[in-house]
Protein backbone atom coordinates (compact mmCIF):
# COMPACT_ATOMS: atom_id res chain seq x y z
CA MET A 1 19.40 179.23 83.01
CA SER A 2 20.29 175.97 81.30
CA VAL A 3 22.06 175.78 77.97
CA SER A 4 19.04 174.11 76.35
CA SER A 5 16.66 176.89 77.40
CA VAL A 6 19.10 179.52 76.11
CA GLY A 7 19.22 177.68 72.77
CA SER A 8 15.46 177.77 72.47
CA GLN A 9 15.45 181.54 72.99
CA ALA A 10 18.40 182.45 70.79
CA SER A 11 18.02 183.12 67.09
CA VAL A 12 20.43 183.05 64.17
CA SER A 13 20.38 183.87 60.50
CA PHE A 14 19.86 180.56 58.72
CA ARG A 15 19.16 179.94 55.05
CA GLY A 16 18.24 183.55 54.45
CA GLU A 17 15.92 184.07 57.41
CA GLU A 18 15.94 184.47 61.16
CA GLN A 19 15.58 181.05 62.80
CA ASN A 20 15.41 179.69 66.30
CA LEU A 21 18.86 178.31 67.20
CA ASP A 22 17.51 174.91 68.24
CA ARG A 23 15.73 174.46 64.91
CA ALA A 24 18.72 175.64 62.86
CA LEU A 25 21.02 173.26 64.76
CA GLU A 26 18.61 170.36 64.40
CA ILE A 27 18.41 170.80 60.64
CA THR A 28 22.15 171.33 60.21
CA VAL A 29 23.29 168.44 62.40
CA ASN A 30 20.75 166.02 60.89
CA ASP A 31 21.92 166.99 57.40
CA LEU A 32 25.56 166.54 58.43
CA ILE A 33 24.79 163.08 59.81
CA ARG A 34 22.94 162.11 56.64
CA HIS A 35 25.79 163.23 54.38
CA LEU A 36 28.40 161.60 56.62
CA ASN A 37 26.50 158.31 56.44
CA HIS A 38 26.43 158.58 52.64
CA VAL A 39 30.18 159.19 52.59
CA GLN A 40 30.78 156.18 54.81
CA MET A 41 28.69 153.94 52.57
CA ALA A 42 30.36 155.30 49.42
CA LEU A 43 33.84 154.63 50.79
CA ARG A 44 32.84 151.09 51.72
CA SER A 45 31.33 150.59 48.25
CA VAL A 46 34.49 151.79 46.51
CA ALA A 47 36.60 149.58 48.76
CA ALA A 48 34.43 146.57 47.85
CA ALA A 49 34.38 147.41 44.13
CA PRO A 50 37.25 145.08 43.17
CA GLU A 51 35.60 142.13 44.91
CA GLN A 52 32.28 142.93 43.27
CA ASP A 53 33.93 143.49 39.91
CA LEU A 54 32.19 146.85 39.48
CA PRO A 55 32.85 148.63 36.21
CA TYR A 56 35.00 151.75 36.47
CA LYS A 57 32.04 153.96 35.47
CA GLU A 58 30.08 152.73 38.52
CA GLU A 59 33.03 153.36 40.83
CA LEU A 60 33.36 156.84 39.36
CA ALA A 61 29.64 157.50 39.87
CA ILE A 62 29.95 156.48 43.53
CA CYS A 63 32.92 158.81 43.98
CA THR A 64 31.14 161.66 42.22
CA LYS A 65 28.15 161.33 44.55
CA MET A 66 30.50 161.13 47.52
CA ASP A 67 32.19 164.36 46.39
CA ASP A 68 28.76 166.00 46.32
CA ASP A 69 28.10 164.85 49.89
CA LEU A 70 31.50 166.11 51.05
CA ARG A 71 30.84 169.49 49.41
CA GLU A 72 27.44 169.73 51.08
CA MET A 73 29.06 168.93 54.44
CA GLY A 74 31.45 171.83 53.86
CA PHE A 75 28.49 174.16 53.30
CA LEU A 76 26.82 172.88 56.47
CA LEU A 77 29.99 173.43 58.50
CA GLU A 78 30.10 176.97 57.11
CA ASP A 79 26.50 177.45 58.30
CA LEU A 80 27.66 176.48 61.79
CA ARG A 81 30.43 179.10 61.58
CA TYR A 82 27.86 181.75 60.70
CA MET A 83 25.72 180.67 63.67
CA GLU A 84 28.76 181.02 65.89
CA ALA A 85 29.36 184.55 64.59
CA ASP A 86 25.70 185.47 65.11
CA LEU A 87 25.81 184.34 68.75
CA LEU A 88 29.19 185.73 69.77
CA SER A 89 28.81 188.71 72.09
CA ILE A 90 30.19 192.12 71.24
CA PRO A 91 33.15 192.91 73.51
CA GLU A 92 32.68 195.73 76.00
CA THR A 93 36.14 197.10 75.17
CA PRO A 94 38.01 197.00 71.86
């Protein structure tokens, strides 16, 4: 059996309900990518702030939003840890 077909049959607890593993992974990874892209753009914006003569308040707003994205990424990584725990087999011996 291929890994992809196993993923479509497996289920995990995700956002308070039982979900198909493939769907839970798709949502989680897409959200991680989105937040990572936002972080990348925010870092580039803060780096360019002196050249663009951005006011400090605007720089701070960019960093605040970036912190939110980083926090959300932490939550998403935690979701992946829970998926891992849901899928790990129970050992036959202690």
